[in-house]
């Protein structure tokens, strides 16, 4: 681990005076904390000597490696005078003397260690602390000293092992160089040739894997594009053909009674057909290989009034409302909102026998809520005619479009107790990169 740059830098930094200064500051904060947080009986501040003793006990750690004996004497001496002036906040542990004892054990010679330990024993007996305090202080300091000695012995043992290993390695290399110099050179050449061959083979395998990944990615992209085009064609055809059939069926009935309205109905059929043809040309152009298909703008929320007008031409009363303050949406959300509204209105025309349909855009702070609900109560046309056939993908398409842009979709009976069917989609107003995908759900 010593070869890791971060570990090596940290080890070098730990041997500098700056690391000792940081340690001394941390110990000072820990020792002064009881004086700052424990309230004094009777109120007021603790005696100033408590703060001075704490500071003078912690600050010698800044030079503990350069003068471990002096650091220990100063830290222990000032720490022992902490509450001699007046009662002060209790200190859980004296970290300065503990760390100084550790440094003494790990960095001082035998004579200095023996003298300082004897001096500490004399001072402890002279101060006459309680048995509990004496035992705890002796145990903690002895433990810190023992850890320091263990670290020093470990360093010395590791250095000896490294020196021994280096000497053994040098001797082995000299013997191998004298006895097998020529053999090793030949073996090295053979190994280099083998390594080159293995590297070439590995490069070939990596190139093949990259090619396979590129093919798989292209296939996934093609599948996603085919699915998108299929959804667009379903939405265009289902909506346009449904409106054209309904309007064409109602046209002959109006020729005799209301010729002007009949003419308007047939005009709406033609306009719906032309719009469907234009959209289909754009979608089909994308399928032609080698053709740079020019895309006309995709439908957006601004096209919903026109969509509502076409549905109204089929004989439905359309109530289009906008609640809240509209704002720009990401392109995928705008297209999804339009297609969901288109599919819901198409289902109303095809299946609901409704007379009135509501198209509501509710702009919330974090989402756009789109609701399409009708007052239909059946699945057959007036006069016993069968309803228009369904491809079976309408509700699935609504769910998939909502999920694709991170929204949700629900369909089912109206929740206000009135007869009819409702489609409700909640779509995010944030860009795709800033939102978390949400699984869409369908409830019958």
Protein backbone atom coordinates (compact mmCIF):
# COMPACT_ATOMS: atom_id res chain seq x y z
CA UNK A 1 0.00 0.00 0.00
CA UNK A 2 2.98 2.29 0.39
CA UNK A 3 3.15 2.47 -3.41
CA UNK A 4 -0.28 4.08 -3.62
CA UNK A 5 0.27 7.84 -4.20
CA UNK A 6 -2.43 8.95 -1.75
CA UNK A 7 -1.18 6.70 1.05
CA UNK A 8 2.44 7.76 0.48
CA UNK A 9 1.52 11.45 0.59
CA UNK A 10 -0.53 10.93 3.75
CA UNK A 11 2.36 9.09 5.39
CA UNK A 12 4.82 11.85 4.49
CA UNK A 13 2.41 14.50 5.75
CA UNK A 14 1.93 12.63 9.05
CA UNK A 15 5.67 13.03 9.73
CA UNK A 16 5.55 16.83 9.43
CA UNK A 17 5.08 19.48 12.11
CA UNK A 18 1.77 20.47 10.47
CA UNK A 19 0.20 17.12 11.35
CA UNK A 20 1.30 17.53 14.97
CA UNK A 21 -0.18 21.04 15.01
CA UNK A 22 -3.49 19.70 13.71
CA UNK A 23 -3.42 16.96 16.36
CA UNK A 24 -2.72 19.50 19.10
CA UNK A 25 -5.62 21.66 17.91
CA UNK A 26 -7.99 18.67 17.92
CA UNK A 27 -6.91 17.70 21.45
CA UNK A 28 -7.36 21.30 22.60
CA UNK A 29 -10.90 21.34 21.23
CA UNK A 30 -11.73 18.01 22.91
CA UNK A 31 -10.33 19.13 26.28
CA UNK A 32 -12.00 22.56 26.29
CA UNK A 33 -15.37 21.11 25.19
CA UNK A 34 -16.57 20.26 28.77
CA UNK A 35 -15.78 23.83 29.85
CA UNK A 36 -17.88 25.17 26.98
CA UNK A 37 -20.85 22.79 27.27
CA UNK A 38 -21.18 21.80 30.96
CA UNK A 39 -23.01 24.52 32.95
CA UNK A 40 -21.39 25.74 36.14
CA UNK A 41 -23.33 25.44 39.37
CA UNK A 42 -24.62 28.84 40.30
CA UNK A 43 -24.14 30.15 36.76
CA UNK A 44 -21.31 32.17 35.30
CA UNK A 45 -18.10 31.05 33.66
CA UNK A 46 -15.57 28.49 34.85
CA UNK A 47 -12.32 29.77 36.39
CA UNK A 48 -9.85 31.03 33.80
CA UNK A 49 -7.19 28.63 35.01
CA UNK A 50 -9.21 25.69 33.65
CA UNK A 51 -8.93 27.06 30.13
CA UNK A 52 -5.22 27.84 30.61
CA UNK A 53 -4.42 24.37 31.99
CA UNK A 54 -6.27 22.71 29.11
CA UNK A 55 -4.43 24.80 26.51
CA UNK A 56 -1.00 24.29 28.13
CA UNK A 57 -1.67 20.55 28.33
CA UNK A 58 -2.65 20.22 24.64
CA UNK A 59 -0.25 22.60 22.87
CA UNK A 60 3.00 20.69 23.68
CA UNK A 61 1.75 17.96 21.31
CA UNK A 62 2.77 20.27 18.46
CA UNK A 63 6.44 19.32 19.09
CA UNK A 64 5.90 15.82 20.51
CA UNK A 65 8.03 14.10 17.85
CA UNK A 66 10.96 16.53 18.12
CA UNK A 67 10.99 16.59 21.94
CA UNK A 68 8.82 13.73 23.26
CA UNK A 69 10.13 13.94 26.84
CA UNK A 70 9.52 17.69 27.15
CA UNK A 71 6.09 17.34 25.54
CA UNK A 72 5.07 14.66 28.04
CA UNK A 73 6.35 16.57 31.08
CA UNK A 74 4.56 19.78 30.08
CA UNK A 75 1.32 18.05 29.10
CA UNK A 76 1.14 15.91 32.24
CA UNK A 77 2.28 18.71 34.52
CA UNK A 78 -0.27 21.26 33.42
CA UNK A 79 -3.01 18.63 33.21
CA UNK A 80 -2.42 17.66 36.87
CA UNK A 81 -2.98 21.29 37.98
CA UNK A 82 -6.32 21.56 36.17
CA UNK A 83 -8.66 21.74 39.19
CA UNK A 84 -6.23 22.89 41.90
CA UNK A 85 -7.53 26.49 41.84
CA UNK A 86 -11.26 25.76 42.00
CA UNK A 87 -13.69 23.00 41.00
CA UNK A 88 -14.04 22.75 37.23
CA UNK A 89 -15.98 20.70 34.69
CA UNK A 90 -14.94 17.04 34.78
CA UNK A 91 -12.66 15.85 31.97
CA UNK A 92 -13.44 12.31 30.70
CA UNK A 93 -9.83 11.74 29.65
CA UNK A 94 -6.63 13.76 29.34
CA UNK A 95 -5.77 13.16 25.70
CA UNK A 96 -2.55 15.19 25.73
CA UNK A 97 -0.71 13.01 28.31
CA UNK A 98 -2.08 9.85 26.62
CA UNK A 99 -0.67 10.83 23.21
CA UNK A 100 2.56 12.08 24.80
CA UNK A 101 3.04 8.69 26.54
CA UNK A 102 2.42 6.96 23.20
CA UNK A 103 5.06 9.18 21.54
CA UNK A 104 7.50 8.55 24.41
CA UNK A 105 7.13 4.78 23.96
CA UNK A 106 7.50 4.90 20.17
CA UNK A 107 10.32 7.46 19.75
CA UNK A 108 12.46 7.85 22.93
CA UNK A 109 15.48 5.86 24.09
CA UNK A 110 15.47 3.48 27.03
CA UNK A 111 17.12 5.88 29.50
CA UNK A 112 14.71 8.69 28.78
CA UNK A 113 11.72 6.37 28.94
CA UNK A 114 12.77 4.92 32.31
CA UNK A 115 13.42 8.33 33.86
CA UNK A 116 10.14 9.86 32.70
CA UNK A 117 8.06 6.86 33.79
CA UNK A 118 9.67 6.99 37.26
CA UNK A 119 8.97 10.73 37.46
CA UNK A 120 5.32 10.18 36.53
CA UNK A 121 4.96 7.55 39.29
CA UNK A 122 6.43 9.96 41.88
CA UNK A 123 4.14 12.79 40.76
CA UNK A 124 1.08 10.52 40.88
CA UNK A 125 1.88 9.42 44.44
CA UNK A 126 2.61 12.99 45.52
CA UNK A 127 -0.70 14.34 44.23
CA UNK A 128 -2.62 11.60 46.10
CA UNK A 129 -5.61 11.20 43.80
CA UNK A 130 -8.49 8.91 44.58
CA UNK A 131 -7.88 5.18 43.97
CA UNK A 132 -10.27 5.20 41.03
CA UNK A 133 -8.60 8.22 39.44
CA UNK A 134 -5.13 6.76 40.06
CA UNK A 135 -6.03 3.38 38.56
CA UNK A 136 -7.68 4.90 35.54
CA UNK A 137 -4.82 7.32 34.87
CA UNK A 138 -2.13 4.65 35.31
CA UNK A 139 -4.02 2.16 33.13
CA UNK A 140 -4.60 4.62 30.29
CA UNK A 141 -1.04 5.97 30.27
CA UNK A 142 0.52 2.49 30.53
CA UNK A 143 -1.68 1.30 27.69
CA UNK A 144 -0.69 4.27 25.52
CA UNK A 145 2.99 3.69 26.35
CA UNK A 146 2.65 -0.03 25.55
CA UNK A 147 1.04 0.75 22.20
CA UNK A 148 3.87 3.17 21.45
CA UNK A 149 6.47 0.52 22.28
CA UNK A 150 4.61 -2.02 20.10
CA UNK A 151 4.60 0.43 17.21
CA UNK A 152 8.32 1.15 17.67
CA UNK A 153 9.15 -2.56 17.83
CA UNK A 154 6.96 -3.20 14.80
CA UNK A 155 8.77 -0.49 12.85
CA UNK A 156 12.16 -1.86 13.83
CA UNK A 157 11.13 -5.42 12.99
CA UNK A 158 9.70 -4.34 9.61
CA UNK A 159 12.88 -2.41 8.83
CA UNK A 160 15.01 -5.43 9.74
CA UNK A 161 12.88 -7.70 7.59
CA UNK A 162 13.08 -5.28 4.67
CA UNK A 163 16.85 -5.02 5.03
CA UNK A 164 17.21 -8.79 5.24
CA UNK A 165 14.93 -9.29 2.26
CA UNK A 166 16.87 -6.70 0.25
CA UNK A 167 20.20 -8.41 1.04
CA UNK A 168 18.80 -11.84 0.16
CA UNK A 169 17.33 -10.50 -3.07
CA UNK A 170 20.63 -8.88 -4.06
CA UNK A 171 22.53 -12.08 -3.38
CA UNK A 172 20.04 -14.14 -5.35
CA UNK A 173 20.21 -11.78 -8.28
CA UNK A 174 24.03 -11.81 -8.29
CA UNK A 175 24.11 -15.62 -8.24
CA UNK A 176 21.49 -15.89 -10.96
CA UNK A 177 23.31 -13.30 -13.09
CA UNK A 178 26.64 -15.17 -12.84
CA UNK A 179 25.19 -18.67 -13.42
CA UNK A 180 22.39 -18.17 -15.91
CA UNK A 181 22.92 -14.86 -17.69
CA UNK A 182 22.68 -16.27 -21.17
CA UNK A 183 19.75 -18.55 -20.32
CA UNK A 184 17.82 -15.69 -18.78
CA UNK A 185 18.34 -13.48 -21.81
CA UNK A 186 16.97 -16.21 -24.08
CA UNK A 187 14.04 -16.79 -21.77
CA UNK A 188 13.37 -13.06 -21.68
CA UNK A 189 13.27 -12.91 -25.45
CA UNK A 190 10.87 -15.84 -25.53
CA UNK A 191 8.67 -14.25 -22.88
CA UNK A 192 8.61 -10.96 -24.74
CA UNK A 193 7.54 -12.73 -27.93
CA UNK A 194 4.82 -14.63 -26.05
CA UNK A 195 3.64 -11.43 -24.41
CA UNK A 196 3.44 -9.65 -27.75
CA UNK A 197 1.41 -12.54 -29.16
CA UNK A 198 -0.93 -12.50 -26.16
CA UNK A 199 -1.36 -8.74 -26.41
CA UNK A 200 -2.20 -9.01 -30.10
CA UNK A 201 -4.74 -11.72 -29.36
CA UNK A 202 -6.25 -9.66 -26.56
CA UNK A 203 -6.52 -6.64 -28.88
CA UNK A 204 -8.26 -8.83 -31.45
CA UNK A 205 -10.74 -10.09 -28.84
CA UNK A 206 -11.41 -6.55 -27.65
CA UNK A 207 -12.00 -5.37 -31.20
CA UNK A 208 -14.43 -8.25 -31.81
CA UNK A 209 -16.26 -7.48 -28.57
CA UNK A 210 -16.50 -3.79 -29.50
CA UNK A 211 -17.91 -4.74 -32.90
CA UNK A 212 -20.50 -7.03 -31.28
CA UNK A 213 -21.50 -4.29 -28.86
CA UNK A 214 -21.84 -1.80 -31.70
CA UNK A 215 -24.05 -4.23 -33.66
CA UNK A 216 -26.19 -4.91 -30.58
CA UNK A 217 -26.53 -1.20 -29.90
CA UNK A 218 -27.54 -0.54 -33.50
CA UNK A 219 -30.12 -3.32 -33.33
CA UNK A 220 -31.56 -1.92 -30.10
CA UNK A 221 -31.72 1.56 -31.61
CA UNK A 222 -33.43 0.18 -34.72
CA UNK A 223 -35.96 -1.73 -32.61
CA UNK A 224 -36.71 1.37 -30.54
CA UNK A 225 -37.18 3.44 -33.72
CA UNK A 226 -39.48 0.81 -35.24
CA UNK A 227 -41.56 0.78 -32.06
CA UNK A 228 -41.78 4.58 -32.09
CA UNK A 229 -42.82 4.65 -35.74
CA UNK A 230 -45.40 1.91 -35.09
CA UNK A 231 -46.91 3.95 -32.25
CA UNK A 232 -47.03 7.08 -34.42
CA UNK A 233 -48.71 5.21 -37.29
CA UNK A 234 -51.22 3.67 -34.92
CA UNK A 235 -52.09 7.07 -33.44
CA UNK A 236 -52.38 8.74 -36.87
CA UNK A 237 -54.45 6.00 -38.51
CA UNK A 238 -56.69 5.25 -35.54
CA UNK A 239 -57.54 8.91 -35.02
CA UNK A 240 -57.95 9.94 -38.66
CA UNK A 241 -59.82 6.85 -39.88
CA UNK A 242 -62.16 6.89 -36.86
CA UNK A 243 -63.10 10.53 -37.48
CA UNK A 244 -63.50 9.94 -41.21
CA UNK A 245 -65.79 6.92 -40.70
CA UNK A 246 -67.99 8.72 -38.17
CA UNK A 247 -68.23 11.85 -40.33
CA UNK A 248 -68.85 9.84 -43.50
CA UNK A 249 -71.69 7.92 -41.84
CA UNK A 250 -73.35 11.10 -40.57
CA UNK A 251 -72.93 12.98 -43.88
CA UNK A 252 -75.65 11.20 -45.90
CA UNK A 253 -78.16 11.70 -43.07
CA UNK A 254 -77.60 15.47 -43.23
CA UNK A 255 -77.75 15.90 -47.03
CA UNK A 256 -81.54 16.22 -47.09
CA UNK A 257 -82.12 17.95 -43.75
CA UNK A 258 -79.12 20.29 -43.54
CA UNK A 259 -77.12 20.50 -46.81
CA UNK A 260 -74.72 23.15 -45.46
CA UNK A 261 -73.81 21.04 -42.45
CA UNK A 262 -73.48 17.99 -44.70
CA UNK A 263 -71.03 19.88 -46.92
CA UNK A 264 -69.05 20.93 -43.85
CA UNK A 265 -68.98 17.31 -42.70
CA UNK A 266 -67.58 16.09 -46.02
CA UNK A 267 -65.03 18.95 -45.96
CA UNK A 268 -63.94 17.77 -42.50
CA UNK A 269 -63.56 14.23 -43.90
CA UNK A 270 -61.32 15.54 -46.66
CA UNK A 271 -59.27 17.72 -44.30
CA UNK A 272 -58.81 14.83 -41.86
CA UNK A 273 -57.69 12.58 -44.71
CA UNK A 274 -55.21 15.15 -46.03
CA UNK A 275 -53.73 15.67 -42.56
CA UNK A 276 -53.40 11.89 -42.06
CA UNK A 277 -51.73 11.50 -45.45
CA UNK A 278 -49.22 14.25 -44.66
CA UNK A 279 -48.32 12.65 -41.34
CA UNK A 280 -48.07 9.18 -42.90
CA UNK A 281 -45.76 10.46 -45.65
CA UNK A 282 -43.45 11.90 -43.04
CA UNK A 283 -43.40 8.65 -41.01
CA UNK A 284 -42.98 6.38 -44.05
CA UNK A 285 -40.19 8.54 -45.45
CA UNK A 286 -38.16 7.63 -42.38
CA UNK A 287 -38.35 3.95 -43.35
CA UNK A 288 -36.74 4.41 -46.79
CA UNK A 289 -33.07 3.47 -46.77
CA UNK A 290 -30.67 6.18 -47.84
CA UNK A 291 -33.31 8.93 -47.89
CA UNK A 292 -32.76 12.12 -45.95
CA UNK A 293 -36.34 12.53 -44.89
CA UNK A 294 -37.25 16.08 -44.01
CA UNK A 295 -39.27 16.07 -40.86
CA UNK A 296 -42.07 18.53 -40.41
CA UNK A 297 -42.50 19.70 -36.83
CA UNK A 298 -43.99 17.12 -34.46
CA UNK A 299 -47.41 18.01 -33.01
CA UNK A 300 -47.37 19.86 -29.68
CA UNK A 301 -49.86 21.19 -27.14
CA UNK A 302 -50.42 24.19 -29.41
CA UNK A 303 -52.10 21.79 -31.88
CA UNK A 304 -54.67 20.52 -29.36
CA UNK A 305 -57.32 23.13 -30.28
CA UNK A 306 -57.14 21.96 -33.91
CA UNK A 307 -57.40 18.34 -32.74
CA UNK A 308 -60.44 19.24 -30.62
CA UNK A 309 -61.99 20.98 -33.64
CA UNK A 310 -61.63 17.84 -35.77
CA UNK A 311 -63.25 15.74 -33.07
CA UNK A 312 -66.07 18.28 -32.78
CA UNK A 313 -66.64 17.83 -36.51
CA UNK A 314 -67.53 14.20 -35.78
CA UNK A 315 -70.58 15.34 -33.79
CA UNK A 316 -69.10 15.51 -30.29
CA UNK A 317 -69.29 18.59 -28.11
CA UNK A 318 -65.66 19.19 -27.02
CA UNK A 319 -64.89 21.27 -23.94
CA UNK A 320 -61.19 22.22 -24.08
CA UNK A 321 -59.94 23.90 -20.90
CA UNK A 322 -56.53 25.02 -19.62
CA UNK A 323 -55.99 25.47 -15.87
CA UNK A 324 -52.91 27.11 -14.38
CA UNK A 325 -50.07 28.91 -16.11
CA UNK A 326 -48.75 27.12 -19.23
CA UNK A 327 -44.97 26.93 -19.65
CA UNK A 328 -42.52 25.32 -22.07
CA UNK A 329 -42.17 21.53 -21.91
CA UNK A 330 -39.43 19.17 -23.11
CA UNK A 331 -40.07 17.99 -26.68
CA UNK A 332 -40.70 14.36 -25.68
CA UNK A 333 -43.28 15.41 -23.07
CA UNK A 334 -45.11 17.71 -25.54
CA UNK A 335 -45.37 14.92 -28.13
CA UNK A 336 -46.49 12.39 -25.51
CA UNK A 337 -49.19 14.76 -24.21
CA UNK A 338 -50.53 15.34 -27.74
CA UNK A 339 -50.53 11.64 -28.66
CA UNK A 340 -52.23 10.63 -25.37
CA UNK A 341 -54.96 13.24 -25.93
CA UNK A 342 -55.32 12.08 -29.56
CA UNK A 343 -55.66 8.40 -28.55
CA UNK A 344 -58.14 9.17 -25.75
CA UNK A 345 -60.32 11.30 -28.05
CA UNK A 346 -60.14 8.60 -30.74
CA UNK A 347 -61.35 5.97 -28.25
CA UNK A 348 -64.21 8.28 -27.27
CA UNK A 349 -65.29 8.66 -30.92
CA UNK A 350 -64.97 4.93 -31.62
CA UNK A 351 -66.45 3.31 -28.55
CA UNK A 352 -68.19 5.57 -26.05
CA UNK A 353 -71.48 6.72 -27.67
CA UNK A 354 -70.75 10.00 -25.88
CA UNK A 355 -72.31 13.36 -26.64
CA UNK A 356 -69.82 15.45 -24.70
CA UNK A 357 -66.10 15.10 -23.99
CA UNK A 358 -63.80 17.23 -21.83
CA UNK A 359 -60.11 17.86 -22.65
CA UNK A 360 -58.47 19.46 -19.59
CA UNK A 361 -54.86 20.59 -19.17
CA UNK A 362 -54.06 21.29 -15.51
CA UNK A 363 -50.63 22.93 -15.08
CA UNK A 364 -49.32 22.02 -11.63
CA UNK A 365 -46.07 23.21 -10.08
CA UNK A 366 -44.23 19.97 -10.78
CA UNK A 367 -46.25 18.27 -13.54
CA UNK A 368 -48.82 18.61 -16.31
CA UNK A 369 -52.06 16.72 -15.59
CA UNK A 370 -53.97 15.85 -18.78
CA UNK A 371 -57.53 14.55 -18.44
CA UNK A 372 -59.90 13.35 -21.15
CA UNK A 373 -63.35 12.24 -19.94
CA UNK A 374 -66.64 11.66 -21.71
CA UNK A 375 -70.29 11.00 -20.80
CA UNK A 376 -70.65 7.83 -22.86
CA UNK A 377 -72.49 4.80 -21.52
CA UNK A 378 -72.19 2.06 -24.12
CA UNK A 379 -70.06 0.26 -26.65
CA UNK A 380 -72.44 0.17 -29.65
CA UNK A 381 -73.42 2.85 -32.09
CA UNK A 382 -76.96 4.24 -32.30
CA UNK A 383 -79.19 2.19 -34.55
CA UNK A 384 -77.47 -1.07 -33.61
CA UNK A 385 -74.37 -0.50 -35.75
CA UNK A 386 -71.25 -2.21 -34.48
CA UNK A 387 -68.54 0.07 -33.06
CA UNK A 388 -65.39 0.73 -34.99
CA UNK A 389 -62.82 -2.04 -34.51
CA UNK A 390 -59.97 -1.49 -32.08
CA UNK A 391 -56.43 -2.57 -32.65
CA UNK A 392 -56.07 -3.41 -28.96
CA UNK A 393 -53.03 -1.15 -28.53
CA UNK A 394 -54.68 2.13 -27.55
CA UNK A 395 -54.47 1.91 -23.76
CA UNK A 396 -51.11 0.17 -23.98
CA UNK A 397 -49.84 3.02 -26.16
CA UNK A 398 -51.06 5.58 -23.62
CA UNK A 399 -49.24 3.73 -20.86
CA UNK A 400 -46.03 3.38 -22.86
CA UNK A 401 -45.95 7.03 -23.94
CA UNK A 402 -46.44 8.24 -20.37
CA UNK A 403 -43.78 5.88 -19.01
CA UNK A 404 -41.29 6.80 -21.75
CA UNK A 405 -41.08 10.40 -20.51
CA UNK A 406 -41.20 9.56 -16.78
CA UNK A 407 -44.95 9.99 -16.19
CA UNK A 408 -47.96 7.86 -15.23
CA UNK A 409 -51.26 7.05 -16.92
CA UNK A 410 -54.56 5.78 -15.48
CA UNK A 411 -57.77 4.82 -17.27
CA UNK A 412 -61.17 3.79 -16.00
CA UNK A 413 -64.66 5.03 -15.12
CA UNK A 414 -65.04 8.66 -14.12
CA UNK A 415 -64.27 9.33 -10.46
CA UNK A 416 -67.08 11.89 -10.00
CA UNK A 417 -69.87 9.28 -10.09
CA UNK A 418 -71.18 10.31 -13.50
CA UNK A 419 -71.44 7.86 -16.38
CA UNK A 420 -68.52 7.86 -18.77
CA UNK A 421 -64.88 6.96 -19.14
CA UNK A 422 -61.76 8.94 -18.20
CA UNK A 423 -58.09 8.93 -19.13
CA UNK A 424 -55.72 10.75 -16.79
CA UNK A 425 -51.98 11.23 -17.44
CA UNK A 426 -49.49 13.02 -15.21
CA UNK A 427 -46.36 14.09 -17.11
CA UNK A 428 -43.19 15.75 -15.72
CA UNK A 429 -42.29 19.32 -16.65
CA UNK A 430 -38.52 18.88 -16.12
CA UNK A 431 -36.00 17.91 -18.83
CA UNK A 432 -35.22 14.21 -19.26
CA UNK A 433 -31.72 14.52 -17.72
CA UNK A 434 -33.14 15.94 -14.46
CA UNK A 435 -35.97 13.49 -13.84
CA UNK A 436 -36.19 9.94 -12.51
CA UNK A 437 -38.19 7.46 -14.63
CA UNK A 438 -41.53 6.47 -13.13
CA UNK A 439 -43.31 3.25 -14.03
CA UNK A 440 -46.65 3.93 -15.68
CA UNK A 441 -49.66 2.04 -14.47
CA UNK A 442 -53.04 1.11 -15.98
CA UNK A 443 -56.09 0.45 -13.83
CA UNK A 444 -59.17 -1.02 -15.38
